[in-house]
Amino acid sequence: MPTITIELTDTQYKGLEYAALSPEDWAENAVTERCRIANDEIVQMTVQHCLDNSIQVPTTREEVVAYAFDNDIVKTAAVRQEEAEAAAAAMAAEQEAVTEEQTV
């Protein structure tokens, strides 16, 4: 099971103590809730994909999420960012080529 560790300055920790009864519990709950929301989105997309393509839906949420990544139904945020940056670079290069053609 992966572990995420964060380091805060004393001032940041004091701020979190002001905002939450337990900074540790607050941080764990915030991350856990974001994971739940992401997994809900993945399950929804994967079930829809399976139904649209007459594929048997995996039986547990854990299996659905694993199936989604294993079958490229979803991608990590890092991969999506890389793809978006590559697409933006390609568009910029294409626009630059068109601009150069217009000035010649």
C-alpha atoms as a PDB file:
ATOM      1  CA  MET A   1       0.000   0.000   0.000  1.00  0.00           C
ATOM      2  CA  PRO A   2       1.507   3.375  -0.996  1.00  0.00           C
ATOM      3  CA  THR A   3       2.325   5.923   1.687  1.00  0.00           C
ATOM      4  CA  ILE A   4       2.250   9.684   1.146  1.00  0.00           C
ATOM      5  CA  THR A   5       4.277  11.828   3.529  1.00  0.00           C
ATOM      6  CA  ILE A   6       4.181  15.616   3.612  1.00  0.00           C
ATOM      7  CA  GLU A   7       6.429  18.037   5.427  1.00  0.00           C
ATOM      8  CA  LEU A   8       5.060  21.319   6.754  1.00  0.00           C
ATOM      9  CA  THR A   9       6.775  24.284   8.277  1.00  0.00           C
ATOM     10  CA  ASP A  10       5.927  25.039  11.889  1.00  0.00           C
ATOM     11  CA  THR A  11       3.861  27.990  10.678  1.00  0.00           C
ATOM     12  CA  GLN A  12       1.902  25.854   8.209  1.00  0.00           C
ATOM     13  CA  TYR A  13       1.224  23.284  10.919  1.00  0.00           C
ATOM     14  CA  LYS A  14       0.042  26.008  13.315  1.00  0.00           C
ATOM     15  CA  GLY A  15      -2.327  27.251  10.620  1.00  0.00           C
ATOM     16  CA  LEU A  16      -3.716  23.765  10.170  1.00  0.00           C
ATOM     17  CA  GLU A  17      -4.080  23.384  13.933  1.00  0.00           C
ATOM     18  CA  TYR A  18      -6.166  26.549  13.838  1.00  0.00           C
ATOM     19  CA  ALA A  19      -8.381  25.162  11.080  1.00  0.00           C
ATOM     20  CA  ALA A  20      -8.750  21.539  12.219  1.00  0.00           C
ATOM     21  CA  LEU A  21      -9.073  19.633  15.479  1.00  0.00           C
ATOM     22  CA  SER A  22      -6.423  17.196  14.255  1.00  0.00           C
ATOM     23  CA  PRO A  23      -4.171  18.231  11.371  1.00  0.00           C
ATOM     24  CA  GLU A  24      -3.212  14.605  10.734  1.00  0.00           C
ATOM     25  CA  ASP A  25      -6.844  13.465  10.567  1.00  0.00           C
ATOM     26  CA  TRP A  26      -7.758  16.435   8.382  1.00  0.00           C
ATOM     27  CA  ALA A  27      -4.970  15.667   5.897  1.00  0.00           C
ATOM     28  CA  GLU A  28      -5.833  11.963   5.796  1.00  0.00           C
ATOM     29  CA  ASN A  29      -9.541  12.712   5.316  1.00  0.00           C
ATOM     30  CA  ALA A  30      -8.837  15.274   2.556  1.00  0.00           C
ATOM     31  CA  VAL A  31      -6.688  12.839   0.576  1.00  0.00           C
ATOM     32  CA  THR A  32      -9.005   9.888   1.171  1.00  0.00           C
ATOM     33  CA  GLU A  33     -12.044  11.878   0.020  1.00  0.00           C
ATOM     34  CA  ARG A  34     -10.250  13.047  -3.143  1.00  0.00           C
ATOM     35  CA  CYS A  35      -9.329   9.443  -3.873  1.00  0.00           C
ATOM     36  CA  ARG A  36     -12.968   8.397  -3.421  1.00  0.00           C
ATOM     37  CA  ILE A  37     -14.158  11.079  -5.833  1.00  0.00           C
ATOM     38  CA  ALA A  38     -11.561  10.101  -8.448  1.00  0.00           C
ATOM     39  CA  ASN A  39     -12.416   6.422  -8.096  1.00  0.00           C
ATOM     40  CA  ASP A  40     -16.131   7.209  -8.456  1.00  0.00           C
ATOM     41  CA  GLU A  41     -15.343   9.004 -11.737  1.00  0.00           C
ATOM     42  CA  ILE A  42     -13.199   6.092 -12.941  1.00  0.00           C
ATOM     43  CA  VAL A  43     -15.908   3.554 -12.056  1.00  0.00           C
ATOM     44  CA  GLN A  44     -18.568   5.589 -13.860  1.00  0.00           C
ATOM     45  CA  MET A  45     -16.459   5.943 -17.030  1.00  0.00           C
ATOM     46  CA  THR A  46     -15.426   2.288 -16.984  1.00  0.00           C
ATOM     47  CA  VAL A  47     -18.895   0.901 -16.428  1.00  0.00           C
ATOM     48  CA  GLN A  48     -20.195   3.078 -19.260  1.00  0.00           C
ATOM     49  CA  HIS A  49     -17.340   1.894 -21.499  1.00  0.00           C
ATOM     50  CA  CYS A  50     -18.069  -1.737 -20.661  1.00  0.00           C
ATOM     51  CA  LEU A  51     -21.803  -1.342 -21.279  1.00  0.00           C
ATOM     52  CA  ASP A  52     -21.244   0.510 -24.573  1.00  0.00           C
ATOM     53  CA  ASN A  53     -18.878  -2.221 -25.773  1.00  0.00           C
ATOM     54  CA  SER A  54     -20.713  -5.299 -24.434  1.00  0.00           C
ATOM     55  CA  ILE A  55     -17.883  -6.076 -22.016  1.00  0.00           C
ATOM     56  CA  GLN A  56     -18.551  -7.771 -18.705  1.00  0.00           C
ATOM     57  CA  VAL A  57     -18.111  -5.236 -15.915  1.00  0.00           C
ATOM     58  CA  PRO A  58     -15.611  -6.280 -13.225  1.00  0.00           C
ATOM     59  CA  THR A  59     -17.327  -7.191  -9.984  1.00  0.00           C
ATOM     60  CA  THR A  60     -15.642  -4.906  -7.410  1.00  0.00           C
ATOM     61  CA  ARG A  61     -14.670  -1.241  -7.383  1.00  0.00           C
ATOM     62  CA  GLU A  62     -11.018  -2.233  -7.002  1.00  0.00           C
ATOM     63  CA  GLU A  63     -11.258  -4.503 -10.048  1.00  0.00           C
ATOM     64  CA  VAL A  64     -13.049  -1.794 -12.054  1.00  0.00           C
ATOM     65  CA  VAL A  65     -10.334   0.774 -11.311  1.00  0.00           C
ATOM     66  CA  ALA A  66      -7.553  -1.700 -12.127  1.00  0.00           C
ATOM     67  CA  TYR A  67      -9.356  -2.704 -15.346  1.00  0.00           C
ATOM     68  CA  ALA A  68      -9.676   0.955 -16.359  1.00  0.00           C
ATOM     69  CA  PHE A  69      -5.931   1.543 -16.124  1.00  0.00           C
ATOM     70  CA  ASP A  70      -4.961  -1.843 -17.572  1.00  0.00           C
ATOM     71  CA  ASN A  71      -7.148  -1.260 -20.632  1.00  0.00           C
ATOM     72  CA  ASP A  72      -6.325   2.423 -21.209  1.00  0.00           C
ATOM     73  CA  ILE A  73      -9.842   3.589 -20.418  1.00  0.00           C
ATOM     74  CA  VAL A  74      -8.298   6.161 -18.082  1.00  0.00           C
ATOM     75  CA  LYS A  75      -4.835   7.671 -17.792  1.00  0.00           C
ATOM     76  CA  THR A  76      -2.952   9.203 -14.917  1.00  0.00           C
ATOM     77  CA  ALA A  77      -2.983  12.986 -14.603  1.00  0.00           C
ATOM     78  CA  ALA A  78       0.743  12.987 -15.419  1.00  0.00           C
ATOM     79  CA  VAL A  79       0.146  11.169 -18.715  1.00  0.00           C
ATOM     80  CA  ARG A  80      -2.778  13.447 -19.593  1.00  0.00           C
ATOM     81  CA  GLN A  81      -0.567  16.497 -18.868  1.00  0.00           C
ATOM     82  CA  GLU A  82       2.245  15.157 -21.069  1.00  0.00           C
ATOM     83  CA  GLU A  83      -0.219  14.540 -23.907  1.00  0.00           C
ATOM     84  CA  ALA A  84      -1.721  18.023 -23.559  1.00  0.00           C
ATOM     85  CA  GLU A  85       1.727  19.642 -23.588  1.00  0.00           C
ATOM     86  CA  ALA A  86       2.744  17.625 -26.652  1.00  0.00           C
ATOM     87  CA  ALA A  87      -0.473  18.599 -28.443  1.00  0.00           C
ATOM     88  CA  ALA A  88       0.046  22.272 -27.545  1.00  0.00           C
ATOM     89  CA  ALA A  89       3.638  22.139 -28.803  1.00  0.00           C
ATOM     90  CA  ALA A  90       2.505  20.538 -32.052  1.00  0.00           C
ATOM     91  CA  MET A  91      -0.166  23.206 -32.527  1.00  0.00           C
ATOM     92  CA  ALA A  92       2.354  25.964 -31.829  1.00  0.00           C
ATOM     93  CA  ALA A  93       4.796  24.479 -34.347  1.00  0.00           C
ATOM     94  CA  GLU A  94       2.031  24.171 -36.926  1.00  0.00           C
ATOM     95  CA  GLN A  95       0.956  27.775 -36.333  1.00  0.00           C
ATOM     96  CA  GLU A  96       4.562  28.937 -36.619  1.00  0.00           C
ATOM     97  CA  ALA A  97       4.931  27.099 -39.945  1.00  0.00           C
ATOM     98  CA  VAL A  98       1.734  28.709 -41.272  1.00  0.00           C
ATOM     99  CA  THR A  99       2.922  32.142 -40.155  1.00  0.00           C
ATOM    100  CA  GLU A 100       6.284  31.634 -41.863  1.00  0.00           C
ATOM    101  CA  GLU A 101       4.539  30.555 -45.081  1.00  0.00           C
ATOM    102  CA  GLN A 102       2.366  33.671 -44.990  1.00  0.00           C
ATOM    103  CA  THR A 103       5.346  36.000 -44.594  1.00  0.00           C
ATOM    104  CA  VAL A 104       7.283  34.451 -47.488  1.00  0.00           C
END
